[in-house]
């Protein structure tokens, strides 16, 4: 983009030196100044809106991840409170967490001390299916928990409730809209800025 803008300014200088030498400059310069002011104002508004939209998207994504992490911790704590019968589900939850880290942050260090499915070589849809299967096994394990007394019955209900909240937080991440700039709009914006630099070159 920077090269295109520099090329536009250079092209404008060439056009001015080759084609515009014979024309009166006073009126042309005044008209050019008005055009530049209009284009710069519109571009500043559009870029400002893009920056604001990007900031809103980043803030929303951070909020989704914070809720997801909080629910993950609460689910693990609920299963820990239940006792030894939930240890298998806790290990599966650890495997899910390690696989998710490998999937989303491939450049970070690989988790150690826990077994997990290696999703790095899988496609996006395949990795999502593997993680969903892990969570499904955790859900079924929580449902199958035996409750020998009222206390464990309440703990099992809390585990299931925390699992539902955790699953809801995960889906809010998966179905969240992606902040991708449409290619036609990006091309139009670059062309608009090139016109501005072209005007700068003619004005110089």
N, C-alpha and C. Protein backbone atom coordinates (compact mmCIF):
# COMPACT_ATOMS: atom_id res chain seq x y z
N UNK A 1 0.83 -1.20 0.00
CA UNK A 1 0.00 0.00 0.00
C UNK A 1 0.87 1.26 0.00
N UNK A 2 1.93 1.24 0.81
CA UNK A 2 2.83 2.40 0.86
C UNK A 2 3.47 2.65 -0.49
N UNK A 3 3.86 1.57 -1.18
CA UNK A 3 4.47 1.72 -2.50
C UNK A 3 3.47 2.30 -3.50
N UNK A 4 2.21 1.87 -3.41
CA UNK A 4 1.19 2.43 -4.30
C UNK A 4 0.99 3.92 -4.06
N UNK A 5 0.99 4.32 -2.80
CA UNK A 5 0.80 5.73 -2.49
C UNK A 5 1.97 6.57 -2.98
N UNK A 6 3.20 6.08 -2.78
CA UNK A 6 4.37 6.79 -3.27
C UNK A 6 4.36 6.87 -4.79
N UNK A 7 3.95 5.77 -5.43
CA UNK A 7 3.86 5.78 -6.88
C UNK A 7 2.82 6.77 -7.39
N UNK A 8 1.71 6.92 -6.65
CA UNK A 8 0.69 7.89 -7.04
C UNK A 8 1.24 9.31 -6.98
N UNK A 9 1.97 9.61 -5.89
CA UNK A 9 2.54 10.94 -5.76
C UNK A 9 3.56 11.21 -6.87
N UNK A 10 4.39 10.20 -7.18
CA UNK A 10 5.38 10.37 -8.24
C UNK A 10 4.71 10.55 -9.60
N UNK A 11 3.65 9.78 -9.85
CA UNK A 11 2.91 9.92 -11.10
C UNK A 11 2.32 11.32 -11.23
N UNK A 12 1.82 11.84 -10.12
CA UNK A 12 1.25 13.19 -10.15
C UNK A 12 2.30 14.23 -10.48
N UNK A 13 3.50 14.08 -9.94
CA UNK A 13 4.58 15.02 -10.25
C UNK A 13 4.94 14.97 -11.73
N UNK A 14 4.96 13.74 -12.30
CA UNK A 14 5.27 13.61 -13.72
C UNK A 14 4.18 14.25 -14.57
N UNK A 15 2.93 14.01 -14.21
CA UNK A 15 1.82 14.62 -14.95
C UNK A 15 1.88 16.14 -14.89
N UNK A 16 2.22 16.67 -13.73
CA UNK A 16 2.30 18.12 -13.60
C UNK A 16 3.40 18.70 -14.46
N UNK A 17 4.56 18.03 -14.46
CA UNK A 17 5.68 18.56 -15.23
C UNK A 17 5.48 18.40 -16.73
N UNK A 18 4.75 17.37 -17.16
CA UNK A 18 4.60 17.09 -18.59
C UNK A 18 3.34 17.70 -19.20
N UNK A 19 2.24 17.75 -18.44
CA UNK A 19 0.95 18.09 -19.03
C UNK A 19 0.36 19.41 -18.56
N UNK A 20 0.76 19.86 -17.40
CA UNK A 20 0.08 21.01 -16.82
C UNK A 20 0.90 22.29 -16.83
N UNK A 21 2.02 22.29 -17.51
CA UNK A 21 2.87 23.47 -17.51
C UNK A 21 2.22 24.64 -18.24
N UNK A 22 1.39 24.36 -19.24
CA UNK A 22 0.85 25.44 -20.07
C UNK A 22 -0.43 26.04 -19.49
N UNK A 23 -0.96 25.48 -18.40
CA UNK A 23 -2.23 25.96 -17.86
C UNK A 23 -1.96 26.97 -16.74
N UNK A 24 -2.84 27.94 -16.56
CA UNK A 24 -2.70 28.87 -15.44
C UNK A 24 -2.76 28.10 -14.13
N UNK A 25 -1.93 28.49 -13.17
CA UNK A 25 -1.80 27.71 -11.95
C UNK A 25 -2.64 28.24 -10.80
N UNK A 26 -3.00 29.52 -10.76
CA UNK A 26 -3.67 30.07 -9.58
C UNK A 26 -5.02 29.42 -9.36
N UNK A 27 -5.89 29.44 -10.36
CA UNK A 27 -7.21 28.83 -10.21
C UNK A 27 -7.13 27.33 -10.02
N UNK A 28 -6.20 26.70 -10.72
CA UNK A 28 -6.06 25.25 -10.60
C UNK A 28 -5.63 24.85 -9.19
N UNK A 29 -4.71 25.63 -8.61
CA UNK A 29 -4.24 25.32 -7.27
C UNK A 29 -5.35 25.49 -6.24
N UNK A 30 -6.17 26.53 -6.40
CA UNK A 30 -7.28 26.71 -5.47
C UNK A 30 -8.28 25.56 -5.56
N UNK A 31 -8.60 25.16 -6.78
CA UNK A 31 -9.51 24.02 -6.96
C UNK A 31 -8.91 22.75 -6.38
N UNK A 32 -7.59 22.58 -6.62
CA UNK A 32 -6.93 21.38 -6.10
C UNK A 32 -6.96 21.36 -4.58
N UNK A 33 -6.79 22.52 -3.94
CA UNK A 33 -6.82 22.58 -2.48
C UNK A 33 -8.18 22.19 -1.93
N UNK A 34 -9.25 22.64 -2.61
CA UNK A 34 -10.59 22.27 -2.18
C UNK A 34 -10.82 20.76 -2.31
N UNK A 35 -10.35 20.20 -3.43
CA UNK A 35 -10.53 18.76 -3.64
C UNK A 35 -9.77 17.96 -2.59
N UNK A 36 -8.54 18.39 -2.32
CA UNK A 36 -7.73 17.69 -1.32
C UNK A 36 -8.38 17.77 0.05
N UNK A 37 -8.89 18.93 0.42
CA UNK A 37 -9.54 19.09 1.72
C UNK A 37 -10.74 18.16 1.85
N UNK A 38 -11.55 18.09 0.79
CA UNK A 38 -12.72 17.21 0.81
C UNK A 38 -12.31 15.74 0.94
N UNK A 39 -11.35 15.32 0.13
CA UNK A 39 -10.93 13.92 0.15
C UNK A 39 -10.31 13.54 1.48
N UNK A 40 -9.47 14.42 2.02
CA UNK A 40 -8.82 14.12 3.30
C UNK A 40 -9.85 14.03 4.41
N UNK A 41 -10.85 14.90 4.41
CA UNK A 41 -11.88 14.86 5.44
C UNK A 41 -12.67 13.56 5.40
N UNK A 42 -13.09 13.17 4.20
CA UNK A 42 -13.86 11.92 4.07
C UNK A 42 -13.00 10.72 4.48
N UNK A 43 -11.74 10.72 4.06
CA UNK A 43 -10.86 9.61 4.40
C UNK A 43 -10.63 9.53 5.90
N UNK A 44 -10.45 10.68 6.55
CA UNK A 44 -10.25 10.69 7.99
C UNK A 44 -11.46 10.12 8.73
N UNK A 45 -12.67 10.45 8.25
CA UNK A 45 -13.88 9.91 8.86
C UNK A 45 -13.93 8.40 8.71
N UNK A 46 -13.66 7.92 7.49
CA UNK A 46 -13.73 6.47 7.24
C UNK A 46 -12.68 5.72 8.07
N UNK A 47 -11.45 6.22 8.10
CA UNK A 47 -10.40 5.55 8.87
C UNK A 47 -10.73 5.58 10.35
N UNK A 48 -11.29 6.70 10.83
CA UNK A 48 -11.69 6.77 12.23
C UNK A 48 -12.75 5.74 12.57
N UNK A 49 -13.72 5.55 11.68
CA UNK A 49 -14.75 4.53 11.89
C UNK A 49 -14.15 3.13 11.90
N UNK A 50 -13.18 2.88 11.01
CA UNK A 50 -12.53 1.57 10.98
C UNK A 50 -11.77 1.30 12.27
N UNK A 51 -11.06 2.31 12.77
CA UNK A 51 -10.32 2.14 14.02
C UNK A 51 -11.27 1.87 15.18
N UNK A 52 -12.37 2.59 15.22
CA UNK A 52 -13.35 2.38 16.29
C UNK A 52 -13.97 0.99 16.21
N UNK A 53 -14.29 0.54 14.99
CA UNK A 53 -14.87 -0.80 14.84
C UNK A 53 -13.87 -1.88 15.24
N UNK A 54 -12.61 -1.68 14.87
CA UNK A 54 -11.58 -2.66 15.24
C UNK A 54 -11.38 -2.72 16.75
N UNK A 55 -11.38 -1.58 17.40
CA UNK A 55 -11.23 -1.55 18.86
C UNK A 55 -12.41 -2.24 19.54
N UNK A 56 -13.62 -2.00 19.04
CA UNK A 56 -14.80 -2.66 19.61
C UNK A 56 -14.70 -4.17 19.45
N UNK A 57 -14.22 -4.61 18.28
CA UNK A 57 -14.07 -6.05 18.05
C UNK A 57 -13.04 -6.66 18.99
N UNK A 58 -11.90 -5.98 19.17
CA UNK A 58 -10.86 -6.49 20.07
C UNK A 58 -11.37 -6.56 21.50
N UNK A 59 -12.07 -5.52 21.95
CA UNK A 59 -12.60 -5.51 23.31
C UNK A 59 -13.62 -6.63 23.51
N UNK A 60 -14.50 -6.85 22.53
CA UNK A 60 -15.49 -7.92 22.64
C UNK A 60 -14.83 -9.30 22.67
N UNK A 61 -13.79 -9.47 21.85
CA UNK A 61 -13.08 -10.76 21.83
C UNK A 61 -12.39 -11.02 23.16
N UNK A 62 -11.74 -10.01 23.71
CA UNK A 62 -11.11 -10.16 25.02
C UNK A 62 -12.12 -10.51 26.10
N UNK A 63 -13.30 -9.90 26.03
CA UNK A 63 -14.35 -10.20 27.01
C UNK A 63 -14.83 -11.65 26.87
N UNK A 64 -14.98 -12.12 25.62
CA UNK A 64 -15.39 -13.52 25.40
C UNK A 64 -14.36 -14.48 25.97
N UNK A 65 -13.08 -14.21 25.71
CA UNK A 65 -12.03 -15.09 26.22
C UNK A 65 -11.96 -15.07 27.74
N UNK A 66 -12.17 -13.90 28.36
CA UNK A 66 -12.15 -13.80 29.82
C UNK A 66 -13.29 -14.62 30.44
N UNK A 67 -14.48 -14.52 29.85
CA UNK A 67 -15.62 -15.31 30.34
C UNK A 67 -15.35 -16.80 30.16
N UNK A 68 -14.80 -17.17 29.00
CA UNK A 68 -14.49 -18.58 28.73
C UNK A 68 -13.49 -19.13 29.74
N UNK A 69 -12.42 -18.37 30.01
CA UNK A 69 -11.41 -18.82 30.97
C UNK A 69 -12.00 -18.93 32.37
N UNK A 70 -12.82 -17.95 32.75
CA UNK A 70 -13.44 -18.01 34.07
C UNK A 70 -14.35 -19.22 34.24
N UNK A 71 -15.15 -19.52 33.22
CA UNK A 71 -16.02 -20.69 33.29
C UNK A 71 -15.24 -21.99 33.31
N UNK A 72 -14.10 -22.02 32.61
CA UNK A 72 -13.25 -23.21 32.63
C UNK A 72 -12.74 -23.48 34.04
N UNK A 73 -12.30 -22.42 34.72
CA UNK A 73 -11.80 -22.58 36.10
C UNK A 73 -12.93 -23.00 37.04
N UNK A 74 -14.11 -22.41 36.89
CA UNK A 74 -15.23 -22.76 37.76
C UNK A 74 -15.68 -24.20 37.54
N UNK A 75 -15.66 -24.65 36.29
CA UNK A 75 -16.04 -26.04 36.02
C UNK A 75 -15.06 -27.00 36.67
N UNK A 76 -13.78 -26.72 36.54
CA UNK A 76 -12.77 -27.58 37.16
C UNK A 76 -12.92 -27.60 38.67
N UNK A 77 -13.20 -26.45 39.27
CA UNK A 77 -13.37 -26.38 40.72
C UNK A 77 -14.61 -27.15 41.17
N UNK A 78 -15.68 -27.08 40.40
CA UNK A 78 -16.90 -27.81 40.76
C UNK A 78 -16.66 -29.32 40.73
N UNK A 79 -15.93 -29.79 39.71
CA UNK A 79 -15.65 -31.22 39.64
C UNK A 79 -14.68 -31.64 40.74
N UNK A 80 -13.77 -30.76 41.09
CA UNK A 80 -12.86 -31.06 42.20
C UNK A 80 -13.64 -31.16 43.51
N UNK A 81 -14.62 -30.29 43.69
CA UNK A 81 -15.42 -30.34 44.91
C UNK A 81 -16.21 -31.64 45.02
N UNK A 82 -16.58 -32.22 43.90
CA UNK A 82 -17.37 -33.45 43.95
C UNK A 82 -16.58 -34.59 44.56
N UNK A 83 -15.30 -34.68 44.23
CA UNK A 83 -14.50 -35.75 44.80
C UNK A 83 -13.78 -36.57 43.76
N UNK A 84 -13.33 -37.74 44.19
CA UNK A 84 -12.47 -38.57 43.35
C UNK A 84 -13.19 -39.13 42.12
N UNK A 85 -14.52 -39.27 42.18
CA UNK A 85 -15.24 -39.84 41.05
C UNK A 85 -15.21 -38.93 39.83
N UNK A 86 -14.89 -37.68 40.02
CA UNK A 86 -14.85 -36.74 38.89
C UNK A 86 -13.44 -36.54 38.35
N UNK A 87 -12.47 -37.29 38.86
CA UNK A 87 -11.09 -37.10 38.43
C UNK A 87 -10.90 -37.39 36.95
N UNK A 88 -11.60 -38.41 36.46
CA UNK A 88 -11.47 -38.73 35.03
C UNK A 88 -11.96 -37.56 34.17
N UNK A 89 -13.08 -36.94 34.55
CA UNK A 89 -13.57 -35.78 33.79
C UNK A 89 -12.62 -34.60 33.88
N UNK A 90 -11.98 -34.45 35.04
CA UNK A 90 -11.01 -33.35 35.19
C UNK A 90 -9.81 -33.57 34.28
N UNK A 91 -9.36 -34.81 34.15
CA UNK A 91 -8.25 -35.10 33.23
C UNK A 91 -8.67 -34.84 31.79
N UNK A 92 -9.90 -35.19 31.45
CA UNK A 92 -10.39 -34.90 30.10
C UNK A 92 -10.49 -33.40 29.86
N UNK A 93 -10.87 -32.65 30.89
CA UNK A 93 -10.93 -31.20 30.77
C UNK A 93 -9.53 -30.62 30.58
N UNK A 94 -8.55 -31.20 31.27
CA UNK A 94 -7.16 -30.76 31.07
C UNK A 94 -6.70 -31.06 29.65
N UNK A 95 -7.07 -32.23 29.13
CA UNK A 95 -6.71 -32.56 27.75
C UNK A 95 -7.36 -31.59 26.77
N UNK A 96 -8.62 -31.24 27.02
CA UNK A 96 -9.30 -30.27 26.17
C UNK A 96 -8.58 -28.92 26.20
N UNK A 97 -8.19 -28.48 27.39
CA UNK A 97 -7.52 -27.18 27.53
C UNK A 97 -6.18 -27.18 26.80
N UNK A 98 -5.40 -28.26 26.97
CA UNK A 98 -4.11 -28.33 26.29
C UNK A 98 -4.27 -28.35 24.78
N UNK A 99 -5.26 -29.12 24.28
CA UNK A 99 -5.49 -29.17 22.83
C UNK A 99 -5.95 -27.82 22.31
N UNK A 100 -6.78 -27.11 23.08
CA UNK A 100 -7.23 -25.79 22.65
C UNK A 100 -6.07 -24.80 22.59
N UNK A 101 -5.15 -24.90 23.55
CA UNK A 101 -3.97 -24.02 23.54
C UNK A 101 -3.14 -24.29 22.28
N UNK A 102 -2.94 -25.57 21.98
CA UNK A 102 -2.16 -25.92 20.79
C UNK A 102 -2.86 -25.44 19.52
N UNK A 103 -4.20 -25.49 19.51
CA UNK A 103 -4.95 -25.11 18.33
C UNK A 103 -4.93 -23.60 18.10
N UNK A 104 -5.15 -22.82 19.14
CA UNK A 104 -5.29 -21.37 18.97
C UNK A 104 -3.97 -20.63 19.07
N UNK A 105 -3.01 -21.15 19.82
CA UNK A 105 -1.73 -20.46 19.99
C UNK A 105 -0.61 -21.41 19.59
N UNK A 106 -0.51 -21.65 18.29
CA UNK A 106 0.45 -22.62 17.77
C UNK A 106 1.90 -22.19 17.97
N UNK A 107 2.14 -20.88 18.09
CA UNK A 107 3.51 -20.41 18.25
C UNK A 107 4.01 -20.53 19.69
N UNK A 108 3.10 -20.74 20.65
CA UNK A 108 3.49 -20.83 22.06
C UNK A 108 4.08 -22.20 22.36
N UNK A 109 4.63 -22.31 23.56
CA UNK A 109 5.19 -23.58 24.00
C UNK A 109 4.10 -24.64 24.11
N UNK A 110 4.44 -25.87 23.73
CA UNK A 110 3.49 -26.98 23.80
C UNK A 110 3.29 -27.38 25.26
N UNK A 111 2.04 -27.56 25.70
CA UNK A 111 1.80 -27.98 27.09
C UNK A 111 2.46 -29.32 27.38
N UNK A 112 3.01 -29.44 28.58
CA UNK A 112 3.67 -30.68 29.00
C UNK A 112 2.98 -31.21 30.27
N UNK A 113 3.18 -32.48 30.54
CA UNK A 113 2.62 -33.08 31.73
C UNK A 113 1.16 -33.49 31.60
N UNK A 114 0.59 -33.42 30.41
CA UNK A 114 -0.79 -33.80 30.20
C UNK A 114 -0.93 -34.37 28.79
N UNK A 115 -1.71 -35.43 28.67
CA UNK A 115 -1.95 -36.02 27.36
C UNK A 115 -3.14 -35.31 26.70
N UNK A 116 -3.02 -35.10 25.41
CA UNK A 116 -4.07 -34.40 24.68
C UNK A 116 -3.96 -34.76 23.20
N UNK A 117 -5.06 -34.69 22.46
CA UNK A 117 -5.00 -34.96 21.01
C UNK A 117 -4.27 -33.84 20.29
N UNK A 118 -3.34 -34.22 19.42
CA UNK A 118 -2.57 -33.24 18.67
C UNK A 118 -3.41 -32.76 17.48
N UNK A 119 -3.93 -31.55 17.61
CA UNK A 119 -4.82 -31.02 16.57
C UNK A 119 -4.09 -30.11 15.60
N UNK A 120 -2.77 -30.01 15.73
CA UNK A 120 -2.03 -29.09 14.86
C UNK A 120 -2.04 -29.53 13.41
N UNK A 121 -2.10 -30.84 13.18
CA UNK A 121 -2.07 -31.35 11.82
C UNK A 121 -3.46 -31.52 11.23
N UNK A 122 -4.49 -31.20 11.99
CA UNK A 122 -5.85 -31.36 11.52
C UNK A 122 -6.37 -30.05 10.93
N UNK A 123 -7.38 -30.17 10.11
CA UNK A 123 -8.02 -28.97 9.59
C UNK A 123 -8.82 -28.29 10.69
N UNK A 124 -9.31 -27.10 10.40
CA UNK A 124 -10.06 -26.34 11.39
C UNK A 124 -11.32 -27.09 11.83
N UNK A 125 -12.05 -27.63 10.87
CA UNK A 125 -13.28 -28.35 11.20
C UNK A 125 -12.99 -29.64 11.95
N UNK A 126 -11.93 -30.35 11.55
CA UNK A 126 -11.58 -31.60 12.23
C UNK A 126 -11.15 -31.34 13.66
N UNK A 127 -10.35 -30.28 13.87
CA UNK A 127 -9.93 -29.95 15.23
C UNK A 127 -11.11 -29.56 16.10
N UNK A 128 -12.05 -28.81 15.53
CA UNK A 128 -13.26 -28.43 16.28
C UNK A 128 -14.06 -29.67 16.68
N UNK A 129 -14.13 -30.66 15.78
CA UNK A 129 -14.88 -31.87 16.08
C UNK A 129 -14.21 -32.67 17.19
N UNK A 130 -12.87 -32.75 17.17
CA UNK A 130 -12.14 -33.47 18.21
C UNK A 130 -12.37 -32.83 19.57
N UNK A 131 -12.31 -31.51 19.63
CA UNK A 131 -12.53 -30.82 20.90
C UNK A 131 -13.98 -30.98 21.36
N UNK A 132 -14.92 -30.95 20.43
CA UNK A 132 -16.32 -31.15 20.79
C UNK A 132 -16.56 -32.55 21.34
N UNK A 133 -15.89 -33.55 20.77
CA UNK A 133 -16.03 -34.92 21.28
C UNK A 133 -15.50 -35.03 22.70
N UNK A 134 -14.39 -34.35 22.98
CA UNK A 134 -13.85 -34.35 24.34
C UNK A 134 -14.87 -33.77 25.33
N UNK A 135 -15.45 -32.64 24.97
CA UNK A 135 -16.43 -32.01 25.85
C UNK A 135 -17.67 -32.88 25.99
N UNK A 136 -18.06 -33.58 24.94
CA UNK A 136 -19.23 -34.46 25.01
C UNK A 136 -18.99 -35.59 26.00
N UNK A 137 -17.77 -36.12 26.02
CA UNK A 137 -17.45 -37.18 26.98
C UNK A 137 -17.49 -36.64 28.41
N UNK A 138 -17.06 -35.39 28.58
CA UNK A 138 -17.13 -34.79 29.92
C UNK A 138 -18.58 -34.63 30.35
N UNK A 139 -19.43 -34.17 29.45
CA UNK A 139 -20.85 -34.00 29.77
C UNK A 139 -21.49 -35.33 30.16
N UNK A 140 -21.21 -36.37 29.37
CA UNK A 140 -21.79 -37.68 29.69
C UNK A 140 -21.25 -38.20 31.03
N UNK A 141 -19.98 -37.94 31.31
CA UNK A 141 -19.43 -38.37 32.59
C UNK A 141 -20.09 -37.67 33.76
N UNK A 142 -20.38 -36.40 33.61
CA UNK A 142 -21.06 -35.67 34.69
C UNK A 142 -22.47 -36.22 34.88
N UNK A 143 -23.17 -36.51 33.79
CA UNK A 143 -24.53 -37.04 33.89
C UNK A 143 -24.53 -38.40 34.59
N UNK A 144 -23.49 -39.20 34.36
CA UNK A 144 -23.43 -40.55 34.94
C UNK A 144 -22.94 -40.56 36.38
N UNK A 145 -22.59 -39.42 36.93
CA UNK A 145 -22.09 -39.40 38.31
C UNK A 145 -23.13 -39.97 39.27
N UNK A 146 -22.68 -40.86 40.14
CA UNK A 146 -23.57 -41.43 41.15
C UNK A 146 -23.59 -40.52 42.38
N UNK A 147 -24.78 -40.30 42.88
CA UNK A 147 -24.93 -39.38 44.02
C UNK A 147 -25.40 -40.17 45.24
N UNK A 148 -24.48 -40.57 46.11
CA UNK A 148 -24.85 -41.40 47.26
C UNK A 148 -25.60 -40.64 48.35
N UNK A 149 -25.53 -39.33 48.33
CA UNK A 149 -26.19 -38.55 49.39
C UNK A 149 -26.62 -37.21 48.82
N UNK A 150 -27.46 -36.46 49.57
CA UNK A 150 -27.93 -35.16 49.08
C UNK A 150 -26.81 -34.17 48.77
N UNK A 151 -25.71 -34.23 49.54
CA UNK A 151 -24.60 -33.31 49.28
C UNK A 151 -24.01 -33.54 47.90
N UNK A 152 -23.72 -34.80 47.57
CA UNK A 152 -23.15 -35.10 46.25
C UNK A 152 -24.17 -34.85 45.14
N UNK A 153 -25.44 -34.98 45.46
CA UNK A 153 -26.45 -34.66 44.46
C UNK A 153 -26.40 -33.18 44.09
N UNK A 154 -26.25 -32.32 45.11
CA UNK A 154 -26.13 -30.89 44.84
C UNK A 154 -24.83 -30.57 44.12
N UNK A 155 -23.74 -31.26 44.48
CA UNK A 155 -22.46 -31.03 43.82
C UNK A 155 -22.51 -31.46 42.36
N UNK A 156 -23.19 -32.60 42.10
CA UNK A 156 -23.32 -33.05 40.71
C UNK A 156 -24.16 -32.07 39.90
N UNK A 157 -25.21 -31.53 40.51
CA UNK A 157 -26.04 -30.53 39.82
C UNK A 157 -25.23 -29.28 39.52
N UNK A 158 -24.35 -28.91 40.47
CA UNK A 158 -23.50 -27.73 40.24
C UNK A 158 -22.51 -27.99 39.12
N UNK A 159 -21.95 -29.20 39.07
CA UNK A 159 -21.03 -29.55 37.98
C UNK A 159 -21.73 -29.43 36.63
N UNK A 160 -22.94 -29.94 36.55
CA UNK A 160 -23.67 -29.89 35.27
C UNK A 160 -24.02 -28.45 34.90
N UNK A 161 -24.39 -27.65 35.89
CA UNK A 161 -24.71 -26.25 35.62
C UNK A 161 -23.47 -25.49 35.14
N UNK A 162 -22.33 -25.73 35.79
CA UNK A 162 -21.10 -25.06 35.36
C UNK A 162 -20.67 -25.53 33.99
N UNK A 163 -20.93 -26.81 33.68
CA UNK A 163 -20.60 -27.29 32.34
C UNK A 163 -21.44 -26.57 31.29
N UNK A 164 -22.72 -26.38 31.55
CA UNK A 164 -23.58 -25.70 30.58
C UNK A 164 -23.11 -24.26 30.37
N UNK A 165 -22.73 -23.58 31.44
CA UNK A 165 -22.23 -22.22 31.29
C UNK A 165 -20.92 -22.20 30.51
N UNK A 166 -20.07 -23.19 30.76
CA UNK A 166 -18.81 -23.28 30.04
C UNK A 166 -19.04 -23.54 28.56
N UNK A 167 -19.95 -24.47 28.24
CA UNK A 167 -20.27 -24.75 26.84
C UNK A 167 -20.86 -23.52 26.16
N UNK A 168 -21.69 -22.77 26.88
CA UNK A 168 -22.27 -21.56 26.31
C UNK A 168 -21.19 -20.52 26.01
N UNK A 169 -20.22 -20.39 26.92
CA UNK A 169 -19.12 -19.44 26.69
C UNK A 169 -18.27 -19.88 25.50
N UNK A 170 -18.07 -21.18 25.34
CA UNK A 170 -17.29 -21.68 24.19
C UNK A 170 -18.00 -21.39 22.88
N UNK A 171 -19.29 -21.63 22.83
CA UNK A 171 -20.02 -21.38 21.59
C UNK A 171 -20.09 -19.90 21.26
N UNK A 172 -20.10 -19.06 22.29
CA UNK A 172 -20.09 -17.62 22.01
C UNK A 172 -18.80 -17.21 21.32
N UNK A 173 -17.71 -17.94 21.59
CA UNK A 173 -16.45 -17.68 20.88
C UNK A 173 -16.48 -18.22 19.46
N UNK A 174 -17.04 -19.43 19.32
CA UNK A 174 -17.02 -20.09 18.00
C UNK A 174 -17.90 -19.39 16.98
N UNK A 175 -19.03 -18.88 17.43
CA UNK A 175 -19.98 -18.26 16.49
C UNK A 175 -19.86 -16.75 16.44
N UNK A 176 -18.90 -16.19 17.18
CA UNK A 176 -18.73 -14.74 17.16
C UNK A 176 -18.32 -14.30 15.76
N UNK A 177 -18.84 -13.15 15.34
CA UNK A 177 -18.52 -12.62 14.01
C UNK A 177 -17.04 -12.26 13.94
N UNK A 178 -16.42 -12.58 12.81
CA UNK A 178 -15.02 -12.25 12.60
C UNK A 178 -14.90 -10.87 11.97
N UNK A 179 -13.89 -10.13 12.45
CA UNK A 179 -13.71 -8.75 11.98
C UNK A 179 -12.83 -8.74 10.74
N UNK A 180 -13.39 -9.19 9.63
CA UNK A 180 -12.64 -9.21 8.38
C UNK A 180 -13.10 -8.06 7.50
N UNK A 181 -12.16 -7.28 7.01
CA UNK A 181 -12.49 -6.13 6.16
C UNK A 181 -12.81 -6.63 4.76
N UNK A 182 -13.98 -6.30 4.21
CA UNK A 182 -14.32 -6.77 2.85
C UNK A 182 -13.31 -6.29 1.84
N UNK A 183 -12.92 -7.19 0.94
CA UNK A 183 -11.91 -6.85 -0.07
C UNK A 183 -12.33 -5.70 -0.97
N UNK A 184 -13.59 -5.63 -1.46
CA UNK A 184 -13.97 -4.47 -2.29
C UNK A 184 -13.84 -3.14 -1.55
N UNK A 185 -14.23 -3.15 -0.28
CA UNK A 185 -14.11 -1.91 0.49
C UNK A 185 -12.65 -1.53 0.68
N UNK A 186 -11.79 -2.53 0.93
CA UNK A 186 -10.37 -2.25 1.10
C UNK A 186 -9.77 -1.68 -0.17
N UNK A 187 -10.14 -2.25 -1.33
CA UNK A 187 -9.63 -1.73 -2.60
C UNK A 187 -10.12 -0.30 -2.85
N UNK A 188 -11.38 -0.04 -2.50
CA UNK A 188 -11.91 1.30 -2.68
C UNK A 188 -11.19 2.30 -1.78
N UNK A 189 -10.90 1.89 -0.54
CA UNK A 189 -10.21 2.80 0.38
C UNK A 189 -8.79 3.10 -0.10
N UNK A 190 -8.07 2.06 -0.58
CA UNK A 190 -6.72 2.27 -1.09
C UNK A 190 -6.75 3.18 -2.31
N UNK A 191 -7.73 2.95 -3.21
CA UNK A 191 -7.84 3.81 -4.39
C UNK A 191 -8.13 5.26 -4.00
N UNK A 192 -8.97 5.43 -2.99
CA UNK A 192 -9.31 6.77 -2.50
C UNK A 192 -8.07 7.49 -1.98
N UNK A 193 -7.27 6.77 -1.19
CA UNK A 193 -6.05 7.38 -0.64
C UNK A 193 -5.04 7.65 -1.75
N UNK A 194 -5.00 6.78 -2.77
CA UNK A 194 -4.11 7.03 -3.90
C UNK A 194 -4.50 8.32 -4.62
N UNK A 195 -5.81 8.57 -4.73
CA UNK A 195 -6.25 9.83 -5.35
C UNK A 195 -5.77 11.03 -4.53
N UNK A 196 -5.83 10.88 -3.21
CA UNK A 196 -5.35 11.98 -2.35
C UNK A 196 -3.87 12.25 -2.60
N UNK A 197 -3.07 11.19 -2.66
CA UNK A 197 -1.63 11.38 -2.89
C UNK A 197 -1.38 11.91 -4.30
N UNK A 198 -2.23 11.50 -5.24
CA UNK A 198 -2.12 12.06 -6.59
C UNK A 198 -2.36 13.56 -6.56
N UNK A 199 -3.35 13.98 -5.80
CA UNK A 199 -3.63 15.43 -5.66
C UNK A 199 -2.47 16.14 -4.95
N UNK A 200 -1.90 15.48 -3.96
CA UNK A 200 -0.74 16.08 -3.28
C UNK A 200 0.40 16.30 -4.26
N UNK A 201 0.63 15.29 -5.13
CA UNK A 201 1.70 15.43 -6.11
C UNK A 201 1.42 16.53 -7.10
N UNK A 202 0.16 16.69 -7.53
CA UNK A 202 -0.18 17.79 -8.45
C UNK A 202 -0.06 19.13 -7.76
N UNK A 203 -0.33 19.15 -6.47
CA UNK A 203 -0.30 20.41 -5.72
C UNK A 203 1.15 20.81 -5.37
N UNK A 204 2.03 19.84 -5.31
CA UNK A 204 3.40 20.11 -4.82
C UNK A 204 4.14 21.06 -5.78
